[in-house]
Amino acid sequence: MIPDELIGAARKLAHSLGIRVYIRDGWIYQHGPGLEFLPPTGACPSVEGGSTDEDAFSSKTDKAD
Protein backbone atom coordinates (compact mmCIF):
# COMPACT_ATOMS: atom_id res chain seq x y z
CA MET A 1 0.00 0.00 0.00
CA ILE A 2 1.11 3.51 -0.64
CA PRO A 3 1.00 5.92 2.34
CA ASP A 4 -2.27 7.53 1.22
CA GLU A 5 -3.97 4.13 0.96
CA LEU A 6 -2.63 3.13 4.36
CA ILE A 7 -4.02 6.28 5.96
CA GLY A 8 -7.43 5.68 4.38
CA ALA A 9 -7.43 2.05 5.51
CA ALA A 10 -6.49 3.01 9.08
CA ARG A 11 -9.24 5.63 9.19
CA LYS A 12 -11.86 3.14 7.93
CA LEU A 13 -10.68 0.54 10.42
CA ALA A 14 -10.91 2.99 13.34
CA HIS A 15 -14.40 4.08 12.29
CA SER A 16 -15.78 0.60 11.60
CA LEU A 17 -14.38 -1.06 14.74
CA GLY A 18 -14.76 1.96 17.01
CA ILE A 19 -11.19 1.63 18.31
CA ARG A 20 -7.98 3.64 18.09
CA VAL A 21 -5.48 2.45 15.51
CA TYR A 22 -1.92 3.53 14.81
CA ILE A 23 0.34 3.54 11.75
CA ARG A 24 3.99 2.75 12.35
CA ASP A 25 6.64 1.48 9.93
CA GLY A 26 4.08 1.01 7.15
CA TRP A 27 1.82 -1.23 9.24
CA ILE A 28 -1.47 -0.68 11.11
CA TYR A 29 -1.39 -1.50 14.84
CA GLN A 30 -4.00 -1.49 17.61
CA HIS A 31 -1.51 -0.14 20.17
CA GLY A 32 0.76 2.93 19.83
CA PRO A 33 3.07 4.67 19.44
CA GLY A 34 2.55 5.89 15.91
CA LEU A 35 0.29 8.11 13.84
CA GLU A 36 -3.02 7.84 15.70
CA PHE A 37 -6.48 7.53 14.13
CA LEU A 38 -9.50 7.81 16.41
CA PRO A 39 -13.05 6.54 15.92
CA PRO A 40 -15.71 9.24 15.55
CA THR A 41 -17.08 10.71 18.77
CA GLY A 42 -19.74 8.46 20.24
CA ALA A 43 -18.69 5.48 18.13
CA CYS A 44 -19.49 2.14 19.64
CA PRO A 45 -18.51 -1.23 18.22
CA SER A 46 -21.90 -2.71 19.11
CA VAL A 47 -24.92 -2.51 16.83
CA GLU A 48 -27.72 -0.25 17.97
CA GLY A 49 -30.96 -2.11 18.57
CA GLY A 50 -29.18 -5.46 18.81
CA SER A 51 -30.37 -8.14 21.17
CA THR A 52 -29.35 -8.09 24.79
CA ASP A 53 -28.12 -11.04 26.83
CA GLU A 54 -31.65 -11.38 28.17
CA ASP A 55 -33.00 -11.76 24.61
CA ALA A 56 -30.31 -14.25 23.67
CA PHE A 57 -31.06 -16.56 26.60
CA SER A 58 -34.82 -16.10 26.68
CA SER A 59 -37.01 -19.22 26.45
CA LYS A 60 -39.78 -17.22 24.76
CA THR A 61 -40.56 -17.93 21.12
CA ASP A 62 -42.33 -15.95 18.40
CA LYS A 63 -44.97 -18.67 17.94
CA ALA A 64 -48.59 -17.67 18.31
CA ASP A 65 -50.60 -19.76 20.78
PDB file of N, CA and C in Angstrom:
ATOM      1  N   MET A   1       0.846  -1.179   0.000  1.00  0.00           N
ATOM      2  CA  MET A   1       0.000   0.000   0.000  1.00  0.00           C
ATOM      3  C   MET A   1       0.888   1.237   0.000  1.00  0.00           C
ATOM      4  N   ILE A   2       0.409   2.237  -0.700  1.00  0.00           N
ATOM      5  CA  ILE A   2       1.105   3.514  -0.638  1.00  0.00           C
ATOM      6  C   ILE A   2       0.627   4.248   0.613  1.00  0.00           C
ATOM      7  N   PRO A   3       1.379   5.240   1.089  1.00  0.00           N
ATOM      8  CA  PRO A   3       0.995   5.917   2.341  1.00  0.00           C
ATOM      9  C   PRO A   3      -0.435   6.456   2.353  1.00  0.00           C
ATOM     10  N   ASP A   4      -0.903   7.007   1.238  1.00  0.00           N
ATOM     11  CA  ASP A   4      -2.274   7.534   1.217  1.00  0.00           C
ATOM     12  C   ASP A   4      -3.308   6.421   1.390  1.00  0.00           C
ATOM     13  N   GLU A   5      -3.060   5.253   0.802  1.00  0.00           N
ATOM     14  CA  GLU A   5      -3.972   4.125   0.955  1.00  0.00           C
ATOM     15  C   GLU A   5      -3.950   3.605   2.385  1.00  0.00           C
ATOM     16  N   LEU A   6      -2.774   3.593   2.985  1.00  0.00           N
ATOM     17  CA  LEU A   6      -2.630   3.130   4.362  1.00  0.00           C
ATOM     18  C   LEU A   6      -3.391   4.035   5.330  1.00  0.00           C
ATOM     19  N   ILE A   7      -3.297   5.325   5.111  1.00  0.00           N
ATOM     20  CA  ILE A   7      -4.023   6.277   5.962  1.00  0.00           C
ATOM     21  C   ILE A   7      -5.528   6.081   5.824  1.00  0.00           C
ATOM     22  N   GLY A   8      -6.003   5.911   4.602  1.00  0.00           N
ATOM     23  CA  GLY A   8      -7.433   5.676   4.380  1.00  0.00           C
ATOM     24  C   GLY A   8      -7.898   4.379   5.018  1.00  0.00           C
ATOM     25  N   ALA A   9      -7.081   3.333   4.909  1.00  0.00           N
ATOM     26  CA  ALA A   9      -7.432   2.046   5.506  1.00  0.00           C
ATOM     27  C   ALA A   9      -7.472   2.151   7.025  1.00  0.00           C
ATOM     28  N   ALA A  10      -6.519   2.845   7.621  1.00  0.00           N
ATOM     29  CA  ALA A  10      -6.493   3.011   9.078  1.00  0.00           C
ATOM     30  C   ALA A  10      -7.707   3.794   9.553  1.00  0.00           C
ATOM     31  N   ARG A  11      -8.067   4.826   8.822  1.00  0.00           N
ATOM     32  CA  ARG A  11      -9.238   5.633   9.190  1.00  0.00           C
ATOM     33  C   ARG A  11     -10.508   4.782   9.122  1.00  0.00           C
ATOM     34  N   LYS A  12     -10.674   3.995   8.063  1.00  0.00           N
ATOM     35  CA  LYS A  12     -11.856   3.137   7.925  1.00  0.00           C
ATOM     36  C   LYS A  12     -11.899   2.090   9.033  1.00  0.00           C
ATOM     37  N   LEU A  13     -10.750   1.537   9.358  1.00  0.00           N
ATOM     38  CA  LEU A  13     -10.680   0.538  10.417  1.00  0.00           C
ATOM     39  C   LEU A  13     -11.081   1.135  11.760  1.00  0.00           C
ATOM     40  N   ALA A  14     -10.568   2.310  12.074  1.00  0.00           N
ATOM     41  CA  ALA A  14     -10.911   2.986  13.336  1.00  0.00           C
ATOM     42  C   ALA A  14     -12.402   3.271  13.406  1.00  0.00           C
ATOM     43  N   HIS A  15     -12.974   3.734  12.306  1.00  0.00           N
ATOM     44  CA  HIS A  15     -14.395   4.077  12.295  1.00  0.00           C
ATOM     45  C   HIS A  15     -15.270   2.836  12.358  1.00  0.00           C
ATOM     46  N   SER A  16     -14.914   1.788  11.630  1.00  0.00           N
ATOM     47  CA  SER A  16     -15.780   0.604  11.603  1.00  0.00           C
ATOM     48  C   SER A  16     -15.703  -0.209  12.887  1.00  0.00           C
ATOM     49  N   LEU A  17     -14.527  -0.295  13.499  1.00  0.00           N
ATOM     50  CA  LEU A  17     -14.383  -1.062  14.735  1.00  0.00           C
ATOM     51  C   LEU A  17     -14.615  -0.230  15.991  1.00  0.00           C
ATOM     52  N   GLY A  18     -14.566   1.088  15.853  1.00  0.00           N
ATOM     53  CA  GLY A  18     -14.760   1.958  17.009  1.00  0.00           C
ATOM     54  C   GLY A  18     -13.594   1.933  17.976  1.00  0.00           C
ATOM     55  N   ILE A  19     -12.383   1.679  17.466  1.00  0.00           N
ATOM     56  CA  ILE A  19     -11.191   1.634  18.313  1.00  0.00           C
ATOM     57  C   ILE A  19     -10.115   2.545  17.742  1.00  0.00           C
ATOM     58  N   ARG A  20      -9.132   2.875  18.569  1.00  0.00           N
ATOM     59  CA  ARG A  20      -7.981   3.640  18.092  1.00  0.00           C
ATOM     60  C   ARG A  20      -7.060   2.710  17.323  1.00  0.00           C
ATOM     61  N   VAL A  21      -6.507   3.196  16.228  1.00  0.00           N
ATOM     62  CA  VAL A  21      -5.484   2.445  15.506  1.00  0.00           C
ATOM     63  C   VAL A  21      -4.312   3.370  15.228  1.00  0.00           C
ATOM     64  N   TYR A  22      -3.156   2.783  15.000  1.00  0.00           N
ATOM     65  CA  TYR A  22      -1.922   3.533  14.814  1.00  0.00           C
ATOM     66  C   TYR A  22      -1.190   3.020  13.576  1.00  0.00           C
ATOM     67  N   ILE A  23      -0.518   3.918  12.873  1.00  0.00           N
ATOM     68  CA  ILE A  23       0.335   3.540  11.754  1.00  0.00           C
ATOM     69  C   ILE A  23       1.775   3.749  12.194  1.00  0.00           C
ATOM     70  N   ARG A  24       2.572   2.689  12.009  1.00  0.00           N
ATOM     71  CA  ARG A  24       3.985   2.751  12.352  1.00  0.00           C
ATOM     72  C   ARG A  24       4.731   1.813  11.411  1.00  0.00           C
ATOM     73  N   ASP A  25       5.795   2.285  10.808  1.00  0.00           N
ATOM     74  CA  ASP A  25       6.638   1.477   9.929  1.00  0.00           C
ATOM     75  C   ASP A  25       5.865   0.840   8.780  1.00  0.00           C
ATOM     76  N   GLY A  26       4.839   1.535   8.278  1.00  0.00           N
ATOM     77  CA  GLY A  26       4.084   1.012   7.150  1.00  0.00           C
ATOM     78  C   GLY A  26       3.072  -0.059   7.502  1.00  0.00           C
ATOM     79  N   TRP A  27       2.775  -0.234   8.776  1.00  0.00           N
ATOM     80  CA  TRP A  27       1.815  -1.229   9.238  1.00  0.00           C
ATOM     81  C   TRP A  27       0.774  -0.558  10.128  1.00  0.00           C
ATOM     82  N   ILE A  28      -0.402  -1.171  10.241  1.00  0.00           N
ATOM     83  CA  ILE A  28      -1.467  -0.676  11.113  1.00  0.00           C
ATOM     84  C   ILE A  28      -1.454  -1.514  12.389  1.00  0.00           C
ATOM     85  N   TYR A  29      -1.438  -0.829  13.546  1.00  0.00           N
ATOM     86  CA  TYR A  29      -1.394  -1.499  14.844  1.00  0.00           C
ATOM     87  C   TYR A  29      -2.560  -1.035  15.707  1.00  0.00           C
ATOM     88  N   GLN A  30      -2.959  -1.885  16.666  1.00  0.00           N
ATOM     89  CA  GLN A  30      -3.997  -1.489  17.607  1.00  0.00           C
ATOM     90  C   GLN A  30      -3.418  -0.680  18.768  1.00  0.00           C
ATOM     91  N   HIS A  31      -2.137  -0.841  19.052  1.00  0.00           N
ATOM     92  CA  HIS A  31      -1.506  -0.142  20.173  1.00  0.00           C
ATOM     93  C   HIS A  31      -0.384   0.746  19.652  1.00  0.00           C
ATOM     94  N   GLY A  32      -0.248   1.974  20.237  1.00  0.00           N
ATOM     95  CA  GLY A  32       0.757   2.935  19.826  1.00  0.00           C
ATOM     96  C   GLY A  32       2.138   2.533  20.265  1.00  0.00           C
ATOM     97  N   PRO A  33       3.125   3.325  20.011  1.00  0.00           N
ATOM     98  CA  PRO A  33       3.071   4.673  19.441  1.00  0.00           C
ATOM     99  C   PRO A  33       2.943   4.619  17.920  1.00  0.00           C
ATOM    100  N   GLY A  34       2.669   5.769  17.356  1.00  0.00           N
ATOM    101  CA  GLY A  34       2.553   5.893  15.914  1.00  0.00           C
ATOM    102  C   GLY A  34       1.574   6.991  15.574  1.00  0.00           C
ATOM    103  N   LEU A  35       1.280   7.144  14.299  1.00  0.00           N
ATOM    104  CA  LEU A  35       0.293   8.112  13.836  1.00  0.00           C
ATOM    105  C   LEU A  35      -1.072   7.582  14.232  1.00  0.00           C
ATOM    106  N   GLU A  36      -1.792   8.320  15.085  1.00  0.00           N
ATOM    107  CA  GLU A  36      -3.020   7.836  15.703  1.00  0.00           C
ATOM    108  C   GLU A  36      -4.253   8.227  14.895  1.00  0.00           C
ATOM    109  N   PHE A  37      -5.183   7.273  14.746  1.00  0.00           N
ATOM    110  CA  PHE A  37      -6.480   7.528  14.135  1.00  0.00           C
ATOM    111  C   PHE A  37      -7.538   7.124  15.134  1.00  0.00           C
ATOM    112  N   LEU A  38      -8.471   8.028  15.404  1.00  0.00           N
ATOM    113  CA  LEU A  38      -9.501   7.806  16.410  1.00  0.00           C
ATOM    114  C   LEU A  38     -10.841   7.519  15.753  1.00  0.00           C
ATOM    115  N   PRO A  39     -11.688   6.726  16.416  1.00  0.00           N
ATOM    116  CA  PRO A  39     -13.046   6.539  15.915  1.00  0.00           C
ATOM    117  C   PRO A  39     -13.826   7.835  16.102  1.00  0.00           C
ATOM    118  N   PRO A  40     -14.916   8.026  15.368  1.00  0.00           N
ATOM    119  CA  PRO A  40     -15.705   9.240  15.553  1.00  0.00           C
ATOM    120  C   PRO A  40     -16.267   9.312  16.965  1.00  0.00           C
ATOM    121  N   THR A  41     -16.536  10.506  17.431  1.00  0.00           N
ATOM    122  CA  THR A  41     -17.082  10.708  18.769  1.00  0.00           C
ATOM    123  C   THR A  41     -18.401   9.958  18.908  1.00  0.00           C
ATOM    124  N   GLY A  42     -18.522   9.212  19.988  1.00  0.00           N
ATOM    125  CA  GLY A  42     -19.744   8.459  20.241  1.00  0.00           C
ATOM    126  C   GLY A  42     -19.789   7.130  19.514  1.00  0.00           C
ATOM    127  N   ALA A  43     -18.715   6.752  18.845  1.00  0.00           N
ATOM    128  CA  ALA A  43     -18.694   5.478  18.131  1.00  0.00           C
ATOM    129  C   ALA A  43     -18.696   4.337  19.128  1.00  0.00           C
ATOM    130  N   CYS A  44     -19.410   3.313  18.792  1.00  0.00           N
ATOM    131  CA  CYS A  44     -19.490   2.137  19.637  1.00  0.00           C
ATOM    132  C   CYS A  44     -19.437   0.915  18.747  1.00  0.00           C
ATOM    133  N   PRO A  45     -18.613  -0.066  19.081  1.00  0.00           N
ATOM    134  CA  PRO A  45     -18.509  -1.231  18.223  1.00  0.00           C
ATOM    135  C   PRO A  45     -19.739  -2.126  18.207  1.00  0.00           C
ATOM    136  N   SER A  46     -20.695  -1.889  19.107  1.00  0.00           N
ATOM    137  CA  SER A  46     -21.896  -2.711  19.109  1.00  0.00           C
ATOM    138  C   SER A  46     -22.947  -2.117  18.177  1.00  0.00           C
ATOM    139  N   VAL A  47     -23.867  -2.943  17.745  1.00  0.00           N
ATOM    140  CA  VAL A  47     -24.916  -2.515  16.831  1.00  0.00           C
ATOM    141  C   VAL A  47     -26.091  -2.003  17.644  1.00  0.00           C
ATOM    142  N   GLU A  48     -26.586  -0.823  17.269  1.00  0.00           N
ATOM    143  CA  GLU A  48     -27.720  -0.254  17.973  1.00  0.00           C
ATOM    144  C   GLU A  48     -28.959  -1.086  17.698  1.00  0.00           C
ATOM    145  N   GLY A  49     -29.731  -1.348  18.732  1.00  0.00           N
ATOM    146  CA  GLY A  49     -30.959  -2.114  18.567  1.00  0.00           C
ATOM    147  C   GLY A  49     -30.719  -3.612  18.542  1.00  0.00           C
ATOM    148  N   GLY A  50     -29.497  -4.036  18.788  1.00  0.00           N
ATOM    149  CA  GLY A  50     -29.184  -5.463  18.813  1.00  0.00           C
ATOM    150  C   GLY A  50     -29.789  -6.120  20.033  1.00  0.00           C
ATOM    151  N   SER A  51     -29.779  -7.423  20.042  1.00  0.00           N
ATOM    152  CA  SER A  51     -30.371  -8.141  21.169  1.00  0.00           C
ATOM    153  C   SER A  51     -29.477  -8.018  22.401  1.00  0.00           C
ATOM    154  N   THR A  52     -30.083  -8.122  23.532  1.00  0.00           N
ATOM    155  CA  THR A  52     -29.347  -8.094  24.790  1.00  0.00           C
ATOM    156  C   THR A  52     -29.102  -9.522  25.234  1.00  0.00           C
ATOM    157  N   ASP A  53     -28.341  -9.701  26.296  1.00  0.00           N
ATOM    158  CA  ASP A  53     -28.122 -11.041  26.834  1.00  0.00           C
ATOM    159  C   ASP A  53     -29.448 -11.676  27.242  1.00  0.00           C
ATOM    160  N   GLU A  54     -30.350 -10.863  27.751  1.00  0.00           N
ATOM    161  CA  GLU A  54     -31.648 -11.379  28.165  1.00  0.00           C
ATOM    162  C   GLU A  54     -32.387 -11.964  26.963  1.00  0.00           C
ATOM    163  N   ASP A  55     -32.352 -11.266  25.821  1.00  0.00           N
ATOM    164  CA  ASP A  55     -33.004 -11.757  24.613  1.00  0.00           C
ATOM    165  C   ASP A  55     -32.356 -13.044  24.127  1.00  0.00           C
ATOM    166  N   ALA A  56     -31.048 -13.108  24.201  1.00  0.00           N
ATOM    167  CA  ALA A  56     -30.312 -14.247  23.666  1.00  0.00           C
ATOM    168  C   ALA A  56     -30.596 -15.524  24.467  1.00  0.00           C
ATOM    169  N   PHE A  57     -30.849 -15.386  25.755  1.00  0.00           N
ATOM    170  CA  PHE A  57     -31.064 -16.555  26.595  1.00  0.00           C
ATOM    171  C   PHE A  57     -32.524 -16.751  26.982  1.00  0.00           C
ATOM    172  N   SER A  58     -33.412 -16.017  26.362  1.00  0.00           N
ATOM    173  CA  SER A  58     -34.825 -16.105  26.682  1.00  0.00           C
ATOM    174  C   SER A  58     -35.406 -17.409  26.149  1.00  0.00           C
ATOM    175  N   SER A  59     -36.359 -17.995  26.902  1.00  0.00           N
ATOM    176  CA  SER A  59     -37.008 -19.221  26.452  1.00  0.00           C
ATOM    177  C   SER A  59     -38.272 -18.911  25.668  1.00  0.00           C
ATOM    178  N   LYS A  60     -38.598 -17.628  25.516  1.00  0.00           N
ATOM    179  CA  LYS A  60     -39.782 -17.221  24.763  1.00  0.00           C
ATOM    180  C   LYS A  60     -39.562 -17.469  23.281  1.00  0.00           C
ATOM    181  N   THR A  61     -40.644 -17.755  22.570  1.00  0.00           N
ATOM    182  CA  THR A  61     -40.561 -17.927  21.120  1.00  0.00           C
ATOM    183  C   THR A  61     -41.530 -16.958  20.462  1.00  0.00           C
ATOM    184  N   ASP A  62     -41.433 -16.835  19.142  1.00  0.00           N
ATOM    185  CA  ASP A  62     -42.325 -15.950  18.401  1.00  0.00           C
ATOM    186  C   ASP A  62     -43.584 -16.679  17.925  1.00  0.00           C
ATOM    187  N   LYS A  63     -43.795 -17.916  18.364  1.00  0.00           N
ATOM    188  CA  LYS A  63     -44.966 -18.675  17.944  1.00  0.00           C
ATOM    189  C   LYS A  63     -46.223 -18.091  18.578  1.00  0.00           C
ATOM    190  N   ALA A  64     -47.296 -18.095  17.786  1.00  0.00           N
ATOM    191  CA  ALA A  64     -48.591 -17.666  18.308  1.00  0.00           C
ATOM    192  C   ALA A  64     -49.258 -18.865  18.962  1.00  0.00           C
ATOM    193  N   ASP A  65     -49.930 -18.646  20.084  1.00  0.00           N
ATOM    194  CA  ASP A  65     -50.596 -19.759  20.785  1.00  0.00           C
ATOM    195  C   ASP A  65     -51.955 -20.032  20.234  1.00  0.00           C
TER     196      ASP A  65
END
